[in-house]
Amino acid sequence: MSEKLKSILQKQQKQKEEIVNKKNEDVVQLVGFIVGNEELAVPILNIQEIIKPIEYTKVPSVPEYVLGVFNLRGSILPLIDLRIKFGLPHISQTEDTRYIVIKTENSEAGFVIDKLTQAIRIDNADIETTPETFNKENDSNSLISGIGKMEDKIITILNTKTLLKRNF
């Protein structure tokens, strides 16, 4: 194969790789789940793991939505019921109930969700900022980081840093 042909093929391969990399940069990967009647999502990179419910220990003098703490391979994590945190009534756990362990740089906790739905890939262009009526302008404490528009539904994307802020 001539050097000129090799050069052209390498150039084409490089262009293909750049297109694939650009596409991947424009896509957000989320994990969807149900709490009450709403589908919510968090970035997949903030999820440590998703487990079936395990035994937890109640802790006194914490908000009602903090069910207690649980031991996850030697780490003691708070367990938060998202139904109660969002003002919904508590329900008994079902076979669909899961604990989703979310982490950021310096914090992690388990959250009780009603049902896991799916892994979601959504273009950045299809994520709207939070409407002003939901929170103060540029409020970094907003629980919602964006609204994802999909073909057949709208998904609320939660702000994991705010979700993990402890006020107890």
N, C-alpha and C. Protein backbone atom coordinates (compact mmCIF):
# COMPACT_ATOMS: atom_id res chain seq x y z
N MET A 1 0.86 -1.17 0.00
CA MET A 1 0.00 0.00 0.00
C MET A 1 0.90 1.23 0.00
N SER A 2 0.56 2.18 -0.82
CA SER A 2 1.39 3.38 -0.93
C SER A 2 1.26 4.25 0.32
N GLU A 3 2.25 5.07 0.56
CA GLU A 3 2.25 5.97 1.72
C GLU A 3 1.10 6.97 1.63
N LYS A 4 0.80 7.42 0.42
CA LYS A 4 -0.28 8.38 0.24
C LYS A 4 -1.62 7.75 0.63
N LEU A 5 -1.85 6.52 0.23
CA LEU A 5 -3.09 5.82 0.56
C LEU A 5 -3.19 5.58 2.07
N LYS A 6 -2.07 5.17 2.68
CA LYS A 6 -2.04 4.98 4.14
C LYS A 6 -2.39 6.28 4.85
N SER A 7 -1.84 7.38 4.38
CA SER A 7 -2.09 8.68 4.98
C SER A 7 -3.57 9.05 4.89
N ILE A 8 -4.19 8.80 3.75
CA ILE A 8 -5.60 9.11 3.55
C ILE A 8 -6.46 8.25 4.48
N LEU A 9 -6.15 6.96 4.57
CA LEU A 9 -6.91 6.06 5.44
C LEU A 9 -6.78 6.45 6.92
N GLN A 10 -5.58 6.83 7.33
CA GLN A 10 -5.37 7.27 8.71
C GLN A 10 -6.16 8.54 9.00
N LYS A 11 -6.17 9.44 8.04
CA LYS A 11 -6.91 10.69 8.20
C LYS A 11 -8.40 10.41 8.35
N GLN A 12 -8.94 9.51 7.53
CA GLN A 12 -10.35 9.14 7.60
C GLN A 12 -10.68 8.50 8.95
N GLN A 13 -9.81 7.62 9.42
CA GLN A 13 -10.01 6.97 10.71
C GLN A 13 -10.03 7.99 11.84
N LYS A 14 -9.12 8.94 11.78
CA LYS A 14 -9.04 9.99 12.80
C LYS A 14 -10.33 10.83 12.81
N GLN A 15 -10.84 11.16 11.63
CA GLN A 15 -12.08 11.93 11.54
C GLN A 15 -13.25 11.15 12.13
N LYS A 16 -13.32 9.84 11.86
CA LYS A 16 -14.38 9.00 12.43
C LYS A 16 -14.31 9.00 13.96
N GLU A 17 -13.10 8.85 14.51
CA GLU A 17 -12.92 8.85 15.95
C GLU A 17 -13.33 10.18 16.57
N GLU A 18 -13.01 11.28 15.91
CA GLU A 18 -13.39 12.60 16.41
C GLU A 18 -14.91 12.76 16.45
N ILE A 19 -15.59 12.24 15.42
CA ILE A 19 -17.06 12.32 15.39
C ILE A 19 -17.65 11.50 16.53
N VAL A 20 -17.15 10.28 16.74
CA VAL A 20 -17.65 9.42 17.82
C VAL A 20 -17.40 10.09 19.18
N ASN A 21 -16.20 10.63 19.40
CA ASN A 21 -15.89 11.29 20.66
C ASN A 21 -16.77 12.51 20.89
N LYS A 22 -17.03 13.29 19.86
CA LYS A 22 -17.89 14.47 19.99
C LYS A 22 -19.30 14.04 20.36
N LYS A 23 -19.79 12.97 19.71
CA LYS A 23 -21.13 12.47 20.03
C LYS A 23 -21.21 12.06 21.49
N ASN A 24 -20.20 11.34 21.99
CA ASN A 24 -20.20 10.89 23.39
C ASN A 24 -20.16 12.06 24.36
N GLU A 25 -19.50 13.17 24.00
CA GLU A 25 -19.45 14.34 24.87
C GLU A 25 -20.81 15.01 24.97
N ASP A 26 -21.63 14.88 23.95
CA ASP A 26 -22.92 15.55 23.91
C ASP A 26 -24.05 14.71 24.50
N VAL A 27 -23.71 13.55 25.06
CA VAL A 27 -24.72 12.65 25.62
C VAL A 27 -24.50 12.53 27.13
N VAL A 28 -25.61 12.63 27.87
CA VAL A 28 -25.57 12.44 29.32
C VAL A 28 -26.14 11.08 29.62
N GLN A 29 -25.45 10.31 30.46
CA GLN A 29 -25.94 8.99 30.84
C GLN A 29 -26.52 9.07 32.24
N LEU A 30 -27.74 8.60 32.36
CA LEU A 30 -28.50 8.68 33.61
C LEU A 30 -29.06 7.31 33.97
N VAL A 31 -29.45 7.18 35.23
CA VAL A 31 -30.21 6.01 35.66
C VAL A 31 -31.57 6.51 36.11
N GLY A 32 -32.62 5.95 35.53
CA GLY A 32 -33.98 6.36 35.85
C GLY A 32 -34.59 5.48 36.92
N PHE A 33 -35.47 6.10 37.71
CA PHE A 33 -36.19 5.36 38.74
C PHE A 33 -37.49 6.07 39.06
N ILE A 34 -38.38 5.34 39.72
CA ILE A 34 -39.70 5.84 40.06
C ILE A 34 -39.76 6.12 41.56
N VAL A 35 -40.31 7.29 41.90
CA VAL A 35 -40.67 7.62 43.27
C VAL A 35 -42.09 8.19 43.18
N GLY A 36 -43.03 7.51 43.82
CA GLY A 36 -44.44 7.92 43.67
C GLY A 36 -44.87 7.64 42.24
N ASN A 37 -45.39 8.66 41.58
CA ASN A 37 -45.82 8.52 40.19
C ASN A 37 -44.86 9.17 39.21
N GLU A 38 -43.72 9.64 39.68
CA GLU A 38 -42.79 10.38 38.84
C GLU A 38 -41.54 9.58 38.51
N GLU A 39 -41.06 9.74 37.28
CA GLU A 39 -39.78 9.16 36.92
C GLU A 39 -38.71 10.22 37.09
N LEU A 40 -37.70 9.87 37.85
CA LEU A 40 -36.58 10.76 38.13
C LEU A 40 -35.32 10.10 37.62
N ALA A 41 -34.23 10.86 37.60
CA ALA A 41 -32.96 10.28 37.15
C ALA A 41 -31.81 11.00 37.83
N VAL A 42 -30.70 10.29 37.94
CA VAL A 42 -29.44 10.87 38.42
C VAL A 42 -28.33 10.42 37.47
N PRO A 43 -27.28 11.23 37.38
CA PRO A 43 -26.16 10.84 36.50
C PRO A 43 -25.56 9.51 36.94
N ILE A 44 -25.31 8.66 35.96
CA ILE A 44 -24.80 7.32 36.24
C ILE A 44 -23.45 7.36 36.97
N LEU A 45 -22.67 8.40 36.73
CA LEU A 45 -21.35 8.50 37.37
C LEU A 45 -21.44 8.76 38.87
N ASN A 46 -22.61 9.21 39.35
CA ASN A 46 -22.79 9.45 40.78
C ASN A 46 -23.36 8.25 41.52
N ILE A 47 -23.60 7.16 40.81
CA ILE A 47 -24.17 5.98 41.45
C ILE A 47 -23.05 5.01 41.80
N GLN A 48 -22.98 4.71 43.09
CA GLN A 48 -22.00 3.71 43.54
C GLN A 48 -22.54 2.32 43.26
N GLU A 49 -23.79 2.10 43.63
CA GLU A 49 -24.44 0.83 43.33
C GLU A 49 -25.92 0.89 43.65
N ILE A 50 -26.63 -0.12 43.18
CA ILE A 50 -28.06 -0.26 43.43
C ILE A 50 -28.26 -1.65 44.03
N ILE A 51 -28.91 -1.69 45.20
CA ILE A 51 -29.06 -2.96 45.90
C ILE A 51 -30.52 -3.20 46.31
N LYS A 52 -30.82 -4.45 46.58
CA LYS A 52 -32.11 -4.78 47.17
C LYS A 52 -32.08 -4.31 48.63
N PRO A 53 -33.25 -4.01 49.20
CA PRO A 53 -33.27 -3.53 50.58
C PRO A 53 -32.59 -4.49 51.55
N ILE A 54 -31.84 -3.90 52.47
CA ILE A 54 -31.19 -4.67 53.53
C ILE A 54 -31.60 -4.05 54.86
N GLU A 55 -31.23 -4.73 55.93
CA GLU A 55 -31.58 -4.26 57.26
C GLU A 55 -30.89 -2.93 57.57
N TYR A 56 -31.63 -2.04 58.23
CA TYR A 56 -31.06 -0.76 58.66
C TYR A 56 -31.41 -0.52 60.12
N THR A 57 -30.66 0.39 60.73
CA THR A 57 -30.85 0.72 62.14
C THR A 57 -31.41 2.13 62.26
N LYS A 58 -32.49 2.28 63.02
CA LYS A 58 -33.08 3.61 63.22
C LYS A 58 -32.15 4.45 64.08
N VAL A 59 -32.18 5.76 63.83
CA VAL A 59 -31.34 6.70 64.55
C VAL A 59 -32.25 7.78 65.13
N PRO A 60 -32.09 8.11 66.42
CA PRO A 60 -32.95 9.15 67.01
C PRO A 60 -32.55 10.56 66.56
N SER A 61 -33.47 11.47 66.69
CA SER A 61 -33.25 12.91 66.46
C SER A 61 -32.79 13.26 65.05
N VAL A 62 -33.38 12.61 64.06
CA VAL A 62 -33.10 12.95 62.67
C VAL A 62 -34.45 13.25 62.00
N PRO A 63 -34.43 13.95 60.88
CA PRO A 63 -35.70 14.22 60.19
C PRO A 63 -36.43 12.92 59.84
N GLU A 64 -37.73 13.03 59.66
CA GLU A 64 -38.58 11.87 59.40
C GLU A 64 -38.14 11.10 58.16
N TYR A 65 -37.63 11.80 57.14
CA TYR A 65 -37.24 11.13 55.90
C TYR A 65 -35.95 10.31 56.03
N VAL A 66 -35.19 10.50 57.10
CA VAL A 66 -33.99 9.69 57.34
C VAL A 66 -34.45 8.46 58.12
N LEU A 67 -34.46 7.32 57.44
CA LEU A 67 -34.94 6.09 58.07
C LEU A 67 -33.96 5.56 59.11
N GLY A 68 -32.68 5.82 58.90
CA GLY A 68 -31.64 5.33 59.79
C GLY A 68 -30.33 5.21 59.04
N VAL A 69 -29.55 4.21 59.45
CA VAL A 69 -28.26 3.95 58.79
C VAL A 69 -28.18 2.47 58.45
N PHE A 70 -27.36 2.16 57.45
CA PHE A 70 -27.14 0.76 57.10
C PHE A 70 -25.66 0.56 56.81
N ASN A 71 -25.25 -0.70 56.91
CA ASN A 71 -23.85 -1.07 56.73
C ASN A 71 -23.68 -1.64 55.32
N LEU A 72 -22.88 -0.94 54.51
CA LEU A 72 -22.59 -1.40 53.17
C LEU A 72 -21.11 -1.74 53.09
N ARG A 73 -20.79 -3.01 53.27
CA ARG A 73 -19.41 -3.50 53.25
C ARG A 73 -18.47 -2.68 54.12
N GLY A 74 -18.90 -2.44 55.35
CA GLY A 74 -18.04 -1.74 56.31
C GLY A 74 -18.24 -0.25 56.38
N SER A 75 -18.96 0.33 55.44
CA SER A 75 -19.26 1.78 55.47
C SER A 75 -20.67 1.97 56.01
N ILE A 76 -20.80 2.84 56.99
CA ILE A 76 -22.10 3.15 57.56
C ILE A 76 -22.65 4.35 56.80
N LEU A 77 -23.80 4.15 56.16
CA LEU A 77 -24.40 5.19 55.33
C LEU A 77 -25.80 5.54 55.83
N PRO A 78 -26.18 6.82 55.73
CA PRO A 78 -27.57 7.17 56.06
C PRO A 78 -28.50 6.62 54.98
N LEU A 79 -29.72 6.27 55.38
CA LEU A 79 -30.73 5.77 54.46
C LEU A 79 -31.89 6.76 54.44
N ILE A 80 -32.15 7.32 53.28
CA ILE A 80 -33.15 8.37 53.13
C ILE A 80 -34.28 7.86 52.25
N ASP A 81 -35.51 8.03 52.74
CA ASP A 81 -36.69 7.65 51.98
C ASP A 81 -37.08 8.83 51.09
N LEU A 82 -36.91 8.69 49.78
CA LEU A 82 -37.21 9.80 48.87
C LEU A 82 -38.70 10.13 48.84
N ARG A 83 -39.56 9.15 49.10
CA ARG A 83 -40.99 9.44 49.14
C ARG A 83 -41.28 10.48 50.23
N ILE A 84 -40.77 10.24 51.42
CA ILE A 84 -41.01 11.16 52.53
C ILE A 84 -40.31 12.50 52.27
N LYS A 85 -39.09 12.47 51.76
CA LYS A 85 -38.35 13.70 51.47
C LYS A 85 -39.11 14.58 50.48
N PHE A 86 -39.80 13.95 49.53
CA PHE A 86 -40.55 14.70 48.52
C PHE A 86 -42.00 14.97 48.94
N GLY A 87 -42.34 14.68 50.21
CA GLY A 87 -43.68 14.99 50.71
C GLY A 87 -44.74 13.97 50.35
N LEU A 88 -44.34 12.78 49.96
CA LEU A 88 -45.29 11.71 49.64
C LEU A 88 -45.45 10.81 50.86
N PRO A 89 -46.56 10.10 50.94
CA PRO A 89 -46.74 9.20 52.09
C PRO A 89 -45.79 8.00 52.01
N HIS A 90 -45.38 7.53 53.16
CA HIS A 90 -44.53 6.33 53.24
C HIS A 90 -45.36 5.12 52.83
N ILE A 91 -44.75 4.19 52.10
CA ILE A 91 -45.41 2.93 51.77
C ILE A 91 -44.48 1.79 52.17
N SER A 92 -45.06 0.63 52.36
CA SER A 92 -44.25 -0.55 52.67
C SER A 92 -43.41 -0.91 51.45
N GLN A 93 -42.25 -1.50 51.72
CA GLN A 93 -41.38 -1.91 50.63
C GLN A 93 -42.01 -3.07 49.87
N THR A 94 -41.75 -3.10 48.56
CA THR A 94 -42.26 -4.16 47.70
C THR A 94 -41.06 -4.89 47.09
N GLU A 95 -41.34 -5.85 46.23
CA GLU A 95 -40.23 -6.56 45.58
C GLU A 95 -39.51 -5.66 44.58
N ASP A 96 -40.12 -4.53 44.19
CA ASP A 96 -39.46 -3.59 43.28
C ASP A 96 -38.62 -2.54 44.00
N THR A 97 -38.79 -2.40 45.30
CA THR A 97 -38.06 -1.39 46.09
C THR A 97 -36.56 -1.66 46.00
N ARG A 98 -35.81 -0.59 45.85
CA ARG A 98 -34.34 -0.68 45.80
C ARG A 98 -33.73 0.45 46.62
N TYR A 99 -32.49 0.22 47.04
CA TYR A 99 -31.68 1.28 47.63
C TYR A 99 -30.69 1.68 46.54
N ILE A 100 -30.64 2.96 46.26
CA ILE A 100 -29.68 3.46 45.28
C ILE A 100 -28.65 4.26 46.07
N VAL A 101 -27.40 3.83 46.00
CA VAL A 101 -26.32 4.47 46.76
C VAL A 101 -25.69 5.51 45.84
N ILE A 102 -25.81 6.77 46.25
CA ILE A 102 -25.31 7.89 45.45
C ILE A 102 -24.13 8.50 46.17
N LYS A 103 -23.12 8.89 45.36
CA LYS A 103 -21.92 9.48 45.95
C LYS A 103 -21.48 10.70 45.15
N THR A 104 -20.86 11.62 45.86
CA THR A 104 -20.15 12.73 45.23
C THR A 104 -18.74 12.69 45.80
N GLU A 105 -17.96 13.74 45.56
CA GLU A 105 -16.56 13.73 45.99
C GLU A 105 -16.40 13.42 47.48
N ASN A 106 -17.27 13.98 48.32
CA ASN A 106 -17.05 13.86 49.76
C ASN A 106 -18.27 13.37 50.55
N SER A 107 -19.24 12.81 49.87
CA SER A 107 -20.43 12.38 50.59
C SER A 107 -21.11 11.23 49.85
N GLU A 108 -21.76 10.37 50.61
CA GLU A 108 -22.55 9.30 50.01
C GLU A 108 -23.67 8.91 50.95
N ALA A 109 -24.75 8.40 50.36
CA ALA A 109 -25.90 7.98 51.14
C ALA A 109 -26.73 7.01 50.30
N GLY A 110 -27.59 6.27 50.99
CA GLY A 110 -28.52 5.37 50.32
C GLY A 110 -29.89 6.02 50.27
N PHE A 111 -30.58 5.83 49.17
CA PHE A 111 -31.91 6.39 48.99
C PHE A 111 -32.88 5.29 48.62
N VAL A 112 -34.03 5.27 49.28
CA VAL A 112 -35.06 4.27 48.99
C VAL A 112 -35.86 4.78 47.79
N ILE A 113 -35.92 3.95 46.74
CA ILE A 113 -36.71 4.29 45.56
C ILE A 113 -37.77 3.21 45.38
N ASP A 114 -38.87 3.57 44.73
CA ASP A 114 -39.96 2.61 44.55
C ASP A 114 -39.63 1.56 43.51
N LYS A 115 -38.97 1.98 42.42
CA LYS A 115 -38.70 1.04 41.34
C LYS A 115 -37.61 1.60 40.44
N LEU A 116 -36.72 0.73 40.04
CA LEU A 116 -35.68 1.09 39.08
C LEU A 116 -36.29 0.97 37.69
N THR A 117 -36.00 1.93 36.79
CA THR A 117 -36.58 1.83 35.45
C THR A 117 -35.54 1.42 34.42
N GLN A 118 -34.64 2.34 34.05
CA GLN A 118 -33.72 2.03 32.97
C GLN A 118 -32.52 2.95 32.96
N ALA A 119 -31.50 2.52 32.23
CA ALA A 119 -30.38 3.40 31.94
C ALA A 119 -30.82 4.29 30.79
N ILE A 120 -30.50 5.57 30.90
CA ILE A 120 -30.98 6.55 29.93
C ILE A 120 -29.80 7.29 29.33
N ARG A 121 -29.80 7.41 28.01
CA ARG A 121 -28.83 8.24 27.30
C ARG A 121 -29.62 9.36 26.67
N ILE A 122 -29.28 10.58 27.02
CA ILE A 122 -30.03 11.72 26.51
C ILE A 122 -29.05 12.80 26.04
N ASP A 123 -29.34 13.39 24.91
CA ASP A 123 -28.49 14.45 24.38
C ASP A 123 -28.54 15.67 25.28
N ASN A 124 -27.41 16.32 25.45
CA ASN A 124 -27.36 17.57 26.22
C ASN A 124 -28.37 18.59 25.70
N ALA A 125 -28.57 18.61 24.40
CA ALA A 125 -29.50 19.57 23.79
C ALA A 125 -30.94 19.30 24.21
N ASP A 126 -31.24 18.08 24.69
CA ASP A 126 -32.60 17.73 25.12
C ASP A 126 -32.80 17.90 26.62
N ILE A 127 -31.85 18.54 27.28
CA ILE A 127 -31.98 18.81 28.72
C ILE A 127 -32.17 20.30 28.91
N GLU A 128 -33.32 20.64 29.46
CA GLU A 128 -33.65 22.04 29.73
C GLU A 128 -33.21 22.40 31.14
N THR A 129 -32.88 23.66 31.34
CA THR A 129 -32.56 24.11 32.69
C THR A 129 -33.84 24.13 33.51
N THR A 130 -33.68 24.19 34.80
CA THR A 130 -34.83 24.19 35.69
C THR A 130 -35.63 25.47 35.50
N PRO A 131 -36.95 25.36 35.34
CA PRO A 131 -37.77 26.57 35.20
C PRO A 131 -37.61 27.48 36.42
N GLU A 132 -37.65 28.78 36.18
CA GLU A 132 -37.44 29.76 37.25
C GLU A 132 -38.46 29.62 38.37
N THR A 133 -39.65 29.13 38.06
CA THR A 133 -40.67 29.00 39.10
C THR A 133 -40.33 27.93 40.12
N PHE A 134 -39.39 27.03 39.77
CA PHE A 134 -39.00 25.96 40.69
C PHE A 134 -38.03 26.43 41.74
N ASN A 135 -37.20 27.39 41.41
CA ASN A 135 -36.18 27.82 42.35
C ASN A 135 -35.71 29.22 42.02
N LYS A 136 -34.95 29.77 42.95
CA LYS A 136 -34.39 31.09 42.74
C LYS A 136 -33.36 31.02 41.62
N GLU A 137 -33.15 32.13 40.95
CA GLU A 137 -32.20 32.18 39.85
C GLU A 137 -30.81 31.73 40.30
N ASN A 138 -30.21 30.82 39.53
CA ASN A 138 -28.87 30.30 39.81
C ASN A 138 -28.74 29.71 41.20
N ASP A 139 -29.80 29.12 41.69
CA ASP A 139 -29.78 28.53 43.04
C ASP A 139 -29.02 27.21 43.01
N SER A 140 -27.83 27.20 43.61
CA SER A 140 -27.03 25.97 43.61
C SER A 140 -27.60 24.93 44.58
N ASN A 141 -28.58 25.32 45.37
CA ASN A 141 -29.20 24.39 46.31
C ASN A 141 -30.45 23.72 45.75
N SER A 142 -30.74 23.95 44.48
CA SER A 142 -31.92 23.36 43.86
C SER A 142 -31.77 21.84 43.82
N LEU A 143 -32.84 21.16 44.12
CA LEU A 143 -32.85 19.70 44.08
C LEU A 143 -32.90 19.18 42.65
N ILE A 144 -33.35 20.03 41.73
CA ILE A 144 -33.48 19.64 40.33
C ILE A 144 -32.38 20.30 39.52
N SER A 145 -31.63 19.49 38.76
CA SER A 145 -30.56 20.08 37.94
C SER A 145 -31.01 20.29 36.50
N GLY A 146 -32.10 19.65 36.08
CA GLY A 146 -32.60 19.84 34.73
C GLY A 146 -33.80 18.97 34.44
N ILE A 147 -34.39 19.23 33.29
CA ILE A 147 -35.54 18.46 32.83
C ILE A 147 -35.17 17.83 31.50
N GLY A 148 -35.17 16.50 31.45
CA GLY A 148 -34.81 15.78 30.23
C GLY A 148 -36.04 15.51 29.38
N LYS A 149 -35.95 15.88 28.10
CA LYS A 149 -37.06 15.63 27.17
C LYS A 149 -36.73 14.40 26.33
N MET A 150 -37.58 13.41 26.45
CA MET A 150 -37.44 12.20 25.63
C MET A 150 -38.64 12.13 24.71
N GLU A 151 -38.62 11.21 23.75
CA GLU A 151 -39.70 11.11 22.77
C GLU A 151 -41.07 11.00 23.42
N ASP A 152 -41.19 10.14 24.43
CA ASP A 152 -42.50 9.84 24.99
C ASP A 152 -42.71 10.32 26.41
N LYS A 153 -41.71 11.00 26.99
CA LYS A 153 -41.88 11.44 28.38
C LYS A 153 -40.87 12.51 28.76
N ILE A 154 -41.09 13.07 29.93
CA ILE A 154 -40.19 14.06 30.51
C ILE A 154 -39.66 13.47 31.80
N ILE A 155 -38.34 13.63 32.02
CA ILE A 155 -37.71 13.07 33.21
C ILE A 155 -37.04 14.19 34.00
N THR A 156 -37.29 14.21 35.29
CA THR A 156 -36.66 15.18 36.17
C THR A 156 -35.29 14.65 36.58
N ILE A 157 -34.27 15.45 36.33
CA ILE A 157 -32.90 15.05 36.68
C ILE A 157 -32.53 15.73 37.99
N LEU A 158 -32.19 14.91 38.98
CA LEU A 158 -31.89 15.43 40.31
C LEU A 158 -30.44 15.88 40.43
N ASN A 159 -30.23 16.90 41.25
CA ASN A 159 -28.90 17.42 41.56
C ASN A 159 -28.34 16.58 42.71
N THR A 160 -27.37 15.73 42.43
CA THR A 160 -26.88 14.81 43.46
C THR A 160 -26.18 15.53 44.60
N LYS A 161 -25.51 16.65 44.34
CA LYS A 161 -24.84 17.38 45.42
C LYS A 161 -25.87 17.90 46.42
N THR A 162 -26.98 18.44 45.92
CA THR A 162 -28.02 18.94 46.81
C THR A 162 -28.70 17.78 47.52
N LEU A 163 -28.93 16.70 46.81
CA LEU A 163 -29.58 15.52 47.39
C LEU A 163 -28.76 14.99 48.57
N LEU A 164 -27.44 15.08 48.47
CA LEU A 164 -26.57 14.55 49.51
C LEU A 164 -26.25 15.55 50.62
N LYS A 165 -26.68 16.80 50.48
CA LYS A 165 -26.42 17.78 51.54
C LYS A 165 -27.16 17.34 52.80
N ARG A 166 -26.42 17.30 53.88
CA ARG A 166 -27.03 16.86 55.14
C ARG A 166 -27.48 18.06 55.93
N ASN A 167 -28.74 18.05 56.29
CA ASN A 167 -29.27 19.09 57.16
C ASN A 167 -29.82 18.45 58.44
N PHE A 168 -29.10 17.44 58.89
CA PHE A 168 -29.47 16.75 60.13
C PHE A 168 -28.24 16.40 60.91
